[in-house]
Amino acid sequence: LLATAARAQPAFQELLYDLQSPREATRIKAARAIAVSGYPDAASALVPLLADRAEAVQLAAIDALVGIALASGPGANGAPKFKRVRGSIAWSVFDAGPLAVLPRTWPPELLTSLAAALRDEDEDVRSAAAGALAVIGSPATSAPVAETLNALAVDIIYALRSRDVHTREAVARAAGAIFTPLPGATVSVAIGDALIAALNDAEPEVRAAAADALGWVREARAEQALRDRFAFFREGPDAETALHALARMAGPASA
């Protein structure tokens, strides 16, 4: 086994070298190869690419990281094929449910690097980074420590004010996954305030994502607003998301 690892090591070193290639296609190819390599340091090697100068490389790095998270193992025969949405599989993996991924030990800088990508100039990169945060940053997958959550909150609150509707929607969805509280815990006031504000967004998809997220984080301060929203709309997406959120909060007053 040690001899096999020793023979394989140069291949990993070559991939690390290719990650710094001036050629975009070479960096993308190396990112995809590292994702299926099985090396313990694969995720750490991919983190710098999240700030790459080329959007295609950033998206490849995000998909590679999400691929590492997959329960089936990236590249395994019979592994499910995920549809790319806005250039990435991240949201398709998230929509597949929590059993699509396994808890893993991630490099400490990964989540904050993904959060920094929420400020990227490219809207597809922002959406993909939000999806990767939703997959990797949830308590079921990585259980971020309080210090990391506080750092993520700053970038998420900023991104919820983006001019781009797709970014606001994606970030609201990600917030619901990342800040789902563990038993006995509560969501931070700042995140709760940002999601409550997003309930009044001009775009219906953002309002729906914010309502859904408020249900996941069980923000009790939003309960009355959600009940009012359900009573006002009665049917349709706004009413449905309000009802789902109230069901997750399970407050006696909403019974």
Protein backbone atom coordinates (compact mmCIF):
# COMPACT_ATOMS: atom_id res chain seq x y z
CA LEU A 1 0.00 0.00 0.00
CA LEU A 2 2.82 2.41 0.89
CA ALA A 3 4.58 1.57 -2.35
CA THR A 4 1.41 2.30 -4.31
CA ALA A 5 1.01 5.65 -2.53
CA ALA A 6 4.63 6.50 -3.25
CA ARG A 7 4.15 5.78 -6.96
CA ALA A 8 0.94 7.83 -7.05
CA GLN A 9 2.42 10.90 -5.33
CA PRO A 10 4.16 12.33 -8.43
CA ALA A 11 0.81 12.29 -10.25
CA PHE A 12 -0.71 14.47 -7.54
CA GLN A 13 2.26 16.83 -7.71
CA GLU A 14 1.76 17.12 -11.45
CA LEU A 15 -1.89 17.99 -10.93
CA LEU A 16 -0.92 20.67 -8.41
CA TYR A 17 1.47 22.09 -10.98
CA ASP A 18 -1.27 22.06 -13.63
CA LEU A 19 -3.60 23.98 -11.30
CA GLN A 20 -1.21 26.94 -11.72
CA SER A 21 -0.93 26.62 -15.48
CA PRO A 22 -1.44 29.81 -17.53
CA ARG A 23 -3.80 27.79 -19.72
CA GLU A 24 -7.42 27.88 -18.61
CA ALA A 25 -8.21 24.47 -20.10
CA THR A 26 -5.30 22.88 -18.21
CA ARG A 27 -6.47 24.30 -14.88
CA ILE A 28 -10.02 23.03 -15.52
CA LYS A 29 -8.75 19.56 -16.46
CA ALA A 30 -6.56 19.42 -13.35
CA ALA A 31 -9.43 20.50 -11.08
CA ARG A 32 -11.65 17.73 -12.42
CA ALA A 33 -8.87 15.16 -12.09
CA ILE A 34 -8.10 16.12 -8.50
CA ALA A 35 -11.79 15.80 -7.58
CA VAL A 36 -11.77 12.10 -8.51
CA SER A 37 -8.22 11.39 -7.31
CA GLY A 38 -9.15 10.41 -3.78
CA TYR A 39 -6.23 12.37 -2.32
CA PRO A 40 -6.86 13.62 1.24
CA ASP A 41 -5.65 17.12 0.31
CA ALA A 42 -7.79 17.41 -2.82
CA ALA A 43 -10.19 20.00 -1.35
CA SER A 44 -7.35 22.18 -0.04
CA ALA A 45 -5.73 22.14 -3.48
CA LEU A 46 -8.96 23.36 -5.09
CA VAL A 47 -9.68 26.27 -2.74
CA PRO A 48 -7.35 28.79 -4.49
CA LEU A 49 -9.23 28.23 -7.77
CA LEU A 50 -12.36 29.75 -6.24
CA ALA A 51 -10.69 33.13 -6.84
CA ASP A 52 -9.35 32.23 -10.29
CA ARG A 53 -9.35 34.94 -12.95
CA ALA A 54 -11.47 32.77 -15.29
CA GLU A 55 -15.14 32.12 -14.49
CA ALA A 56 -15.00 28.69 -16.16
CA VAL A 57 -12.19 27.64 -13.81
CA GLN A 58 -14.09 28.91 -10.79
CA LEU A 59 -17.16 26.92 -11.80
CA ALA A 60 -15.04 23.82 -12.40
CA ALA A 61 -13.52 24.18 -8.93
CA ILE A 62 -16.94 24.58 -7.32
CA ASP A 63 -18.25 21.49 -9.09
CA ALA A 64 -15.11 19.56 -8.12
CA LEU A 65 -15.63 20.44 -4.46
CA VAL A 66 -19.29 19.48 -4.59
CA GLY A 67 -18.23 16.26 -6.32
CA ILE A 68 -15.91 15.42 -3.44
CA ALA A 69 -18.88 15.81 -1.09
CA LEU A 70 -21.02 13.27 -2.96
CA ALA A 71 -21.91 10.18 -1.01
CA SER A 72 -21.50 7.94 -4.05
CA GLY A 73 -17.92 9.03 -4.61
CA PRO A 74 -17.04 11.23 -7.60
CA GLY A 75 -16.48 9.31 -10.78
CA ALA A 76 -17.78 6.01 -9.42
CA ASN A 77 -19.58 3.71 -11.80
CA GLY A 78 -23.29 4.20 -11.50
CA ALA A 79 -22.93 7.56 -9.75
CA PRO A 80 -25.92 9.81 -10.40
CA LYS A 81 -25.65 12.43 -13.11
CA PHE A 82 -26.53 15.91 -11.94
CA LYS A 83 -27.88 18.58 -14.24
CA ARG A 84 -25.96 21.82 -14.49
CA VAL A 85 -27.99 24.85 -13.45
CA ARG A 86 -26.43 28.19 -14.34
CA GLY A 87 -23.15 26.47 -15.11
CA SER A 88 -22.88 24.25 -12.03
CA ILE A 89 -24.23 21.03 -10.53
CA ALA A 90 -24.28 22.56 -7.02
CA TRP A 91 -28.01 23.27 -6.85
CA SER A 92 -28.93 19.94 -8.44
CA VAL A 93 -26.93 18.18 -5.73
CA PHE A 94 -28.64 20.30 -3.07
CA ASP A 95 -32.07 19.52 -4.48
CA ALA A 96 -31.24 15.80 -4.40
CA GLY A 97 -31.44 15.98 -0.60
CA PRO A 98 -29.08 15.45 2.32
CA LEU A 99 -28.46 11.78 1.50
CA ALA A 100 -26.67 12.84 -1.70
CA VAL A 101 -23.62 13.85 0.34
CA LEU A 102 -21.64 12.61 3.32
CA PRO A 103 -20.16 14.51 6.26
CA ARG A 104 -16.48 15.16 5.66
CA THR A 105 -13.58 17.07 7.15
CA TRP A 106 -13.03 20.17 5.04
CA PRO A 107 -10.16 22.67 5.03
CA PRO A 108 -11.01 25.52 7.43
CA GLU A 109 -10.71 28.17 4.73
CA LEU A 110 -13.12 26.49 2.30
CA LEU A 111 -16.42 27.93 3.52
CA THR A 112 -15.09 31.48 3.86
CA SER A 113 -13.56 31.22 0.36
CA LEU A 114 -16.92 30.12 -1.06
CA ALA A 115 -18.59 32.99 0.80
CA ALA A 116 -16.09 35.43 -0.70
CA ALA A 117 -17.16 34.16 -4.14
CA LEU A 118 -20.66 35.52 -3.40
CA ARG A 119 -19.12 38.91 -4.24
CA ASP A 120 -17.77 37.73 -7.62
CA GLU A 121 -18.55 39.80 -10.71
CA ASP A 122 -20.08 36.82 -12.53
CA GLU A 123 -23.64 35.93 -11.52
CA ASP A 124 -23.18 32.24 -12.38
CA VAL A 125 -20.19 32.02 -10.06
CA ARG A 126 -22.18 33.72 -7.29
CA SER A 127 -25.09 31.31 -7.74
CA ALA A 128 -22.82 28.26 -7.85
CA ALA A 129 -20.91 29.39 -4.77
CA ALA A 130 -24.19 29.78 -2.91
CA GLY A 131 -25.21 26.29 -3.98
CA ALA A 132 -21.90 24.83 -2.83
CA LEU A 133 -22.30 26.59 0.51
CA ALA A 134 -25.78 25.09 0.84
CA VAL A 135 -24.35 21.61 0.19
CA ILE A 136 -21.07 21.79 2.11
CA GLY A 137 -21.88 24.37 4.78
CA SER A 138 -24.94 22.77 6.32
CA PRO A 139 -24.67 21.40 9.87
CA ALA A 140 -25.32 17.89 8.56
CA THR A 141 -22.30 18.04 6.26
CA SER A 142 -19.62 20.10 7.96
CA ALA A 143 -20.97 21.62 11.22
CA PRO A 144 -19.22 25.02 10.93
CA VAL A 145 -17.96 26.52 14.18
CA ALA A 146 -19.43 29.77 15.50
CA GLU A 147 -16.51 31.86 14.27
CA THR A 148 -16.96 30.55 10.72
CA LEU A 149 -20.72 31.11 10.83
CA ASN A 150 -20.17 34.71 11.89
CA ALA A 151 -17.81 35.24 8.96
CA LEU A 152 -20.27 33.62 6.54
CA ALA A 153 -23.09 35.81 7.85
CA VAL A 154 -21.28 38.98 6.77
CA ASP A 155 -20.96 37.86 3.14
CA ILE A 156 -24.45 36.35 3.02
CA ILE A 157 -26.12 39.50 4.35
CA TYR A 158 -24.18 41.55 1.81
CA ALA A 159 -25.15 39.21 -1.05
CA LEU A 160 -28.84 39.34 -0.06
CA ARG A 161 -28.69 43.00 -1.17
CA SER A 162 -27.27 42.17 -4.62
CA ARG A 163 -28.84 43.87 -7.62
CA ASP A 164 -29.09 40.48 -9.32
CA VAL A 165 -32.30 38.61 -8.55
CA HIS A 166 -30.73 35.17 -9.11
CA THR A 167 -28.03 35.96 -6.58
CA ARG A 168 -30.53 37.09 -3.96
CA GLU A 169 -32.64 33.97 -4.48
CA ALA A 170 -29.64 31.60 -4.34
CA VAL A 171 -28.18 33.25 -1.26
CA ALA A 172 -31.51 33.17 0.59
CA ARG A 173 -31.79 29.44 -0.13
CA ALA A 174 -28.22 28.88 1.02
CA ALA A 175 -28.85 30.81 4.24
CA GLY A 176 -31.65 28.42 5.14
CA ALA A 177 -29.34 25.43 4.75
CA ILE A 178 -26.27 26.89 6.46
CA PHE A 179 -28.00 28.43 9.46
CA THR A 180 -30.44 25.62 10.25
CA PRO A 181 -29.93 25.55 14.02
CA LEU A 182 -28.87 22.49 15.94
CA PRO A 183 -31.19 21.37 18.77
CA GLY A 184 -31.35 24.03 21.46
CA ALA A 185 -29.70 26.70 19.29
CA THR A 186 -31.16 29.75 17.55
CA VAL A 187 -30.26 31.63 14.40
CA SER A 188 -28.31 34.87 14.69
CA VAL A 189 -30.34 38.07 14.86
CA ALA A 190 -28.47 39.52 11.87
CA ILE A 191 -29.36 36.59 9.59
CA GLY A 192 -32.94 36.60 10.83
CA ASP A 193 -33.25 40.34 10.12
CA ALA A 194 -31.79 39.92 6.61
CA LEU A 195 -34.19 37.11 5.71
CA ILE A 196 -37.18 38.97 7.17
CA ALA A 197 -36.25 41.98 5.04
CA ALA A 198 -36.06 39.69 1.99
CA LEU A 199 -39.71 38.73 2.57
CA ASN A 200 -40.54 42.13 1.06
CA ASP A 201 -38.29 41.73 -1.99
CA ALA A 202 -39.72 42.99 -5.27
CA GLU A 203 -39.18 39.59 -6.92
CA PRO A 204 -41.49 36.66 -6.02
CA GLU A 205 -38.73 34.03 -6.29
CA VAL A 206 -36.65 35.88 -3.72
CA ARG A 207 -39.64 36.23 -1.38
CA ALA A 208 -40.31 32.50 -1.70
CA ALA A 209 -36.67 31.61 -1.00
CA ALA A 210 -36.60 33.93 2.03
CA ALA A 211 -39.81 32.44 3.45
CA ASP A 212 -38.46 28.94 2.95
CA ALA A 213 -35.19 29.86 4.64
CA LEU A 214 -37.00 31.44 7.60
CA GLY A 215 -38.74 28.12 8.12
CA TRP A 216 -35.49 26.18 8.07
CA VAL A 217 -33.77 28.54 10.53
CA ARG A 218 -36.97 28.64 12.61
CA GLU A 219 -36.91 32.40 13.05
CA ALA A 220 -39.82 32.90 15.48
CA ARG A 221 -39.90 36.67 14.91
CA ALA A 222 -41.12 36.02 11.35
CA GLU A 223 -44.02 33.79 12.39
CA GLN A 224 -46.66 36.51 12.48
CA ALA A 225 -45.51 37.96 9.16
CA LEU A 226 -45.71 34.51 7.57
CA ARG A 227 -49.19 33.92 8.98
CA ASP A 228 -50.28 37.28 7.57
CA ARG A 229 -48.73 36.38 4.22
CA PHE A 230 -50.56 33.06 4.08
CA ALA A 231 -53.86 34.72 5.01
CA PHE A 232 -53.38 37.39 2.35
CA PHE A 233 -52.40 35.19 -0.60
CA ARG A 234 -54.41 32.08 0.34
CA GLU A 235 -52.96 30.16 -2.64
CA GLY A 236 -50.02 30.18 -5.02
CA PRO A 237 -46.24 30.21 -4.38
CA ASP A 238 -46.28 32.95 -1.72
CA ALA A 239 -48.95 31.14 0.30
CA GLU A 240 -47.31 27.75 -0.11
CA THR A 241 -43.86 28.85 1.01
CA ALA A 242 -45.36 30.69 3.98
CA LEU A 243 -47.26 27.55 4.98
CA HIS A 244 -44.17 25.35 4.64
CA ALA A 245 -42.16 27.77 6.76
CA LEU A 246 -44.83 27.85 9.47
CA ALA A 247 -44.92 24.05 9.47
CA ARG A 248 -41.17 23.89 10.08
CA MET A 249 -41.38 26.43 12.90
CA ALA A 250 -44.23 24.43 14.44
CA GLY A 251 -45.35 27.30 16.66
CA PRO A 252 -48.49 26.58 18.71
CA ALA A 253 -50.08 29.82 17.56
CA SER A 254 -50.00 28.57 13.96
CA ALA A 255 -51.66 25.23 14.65
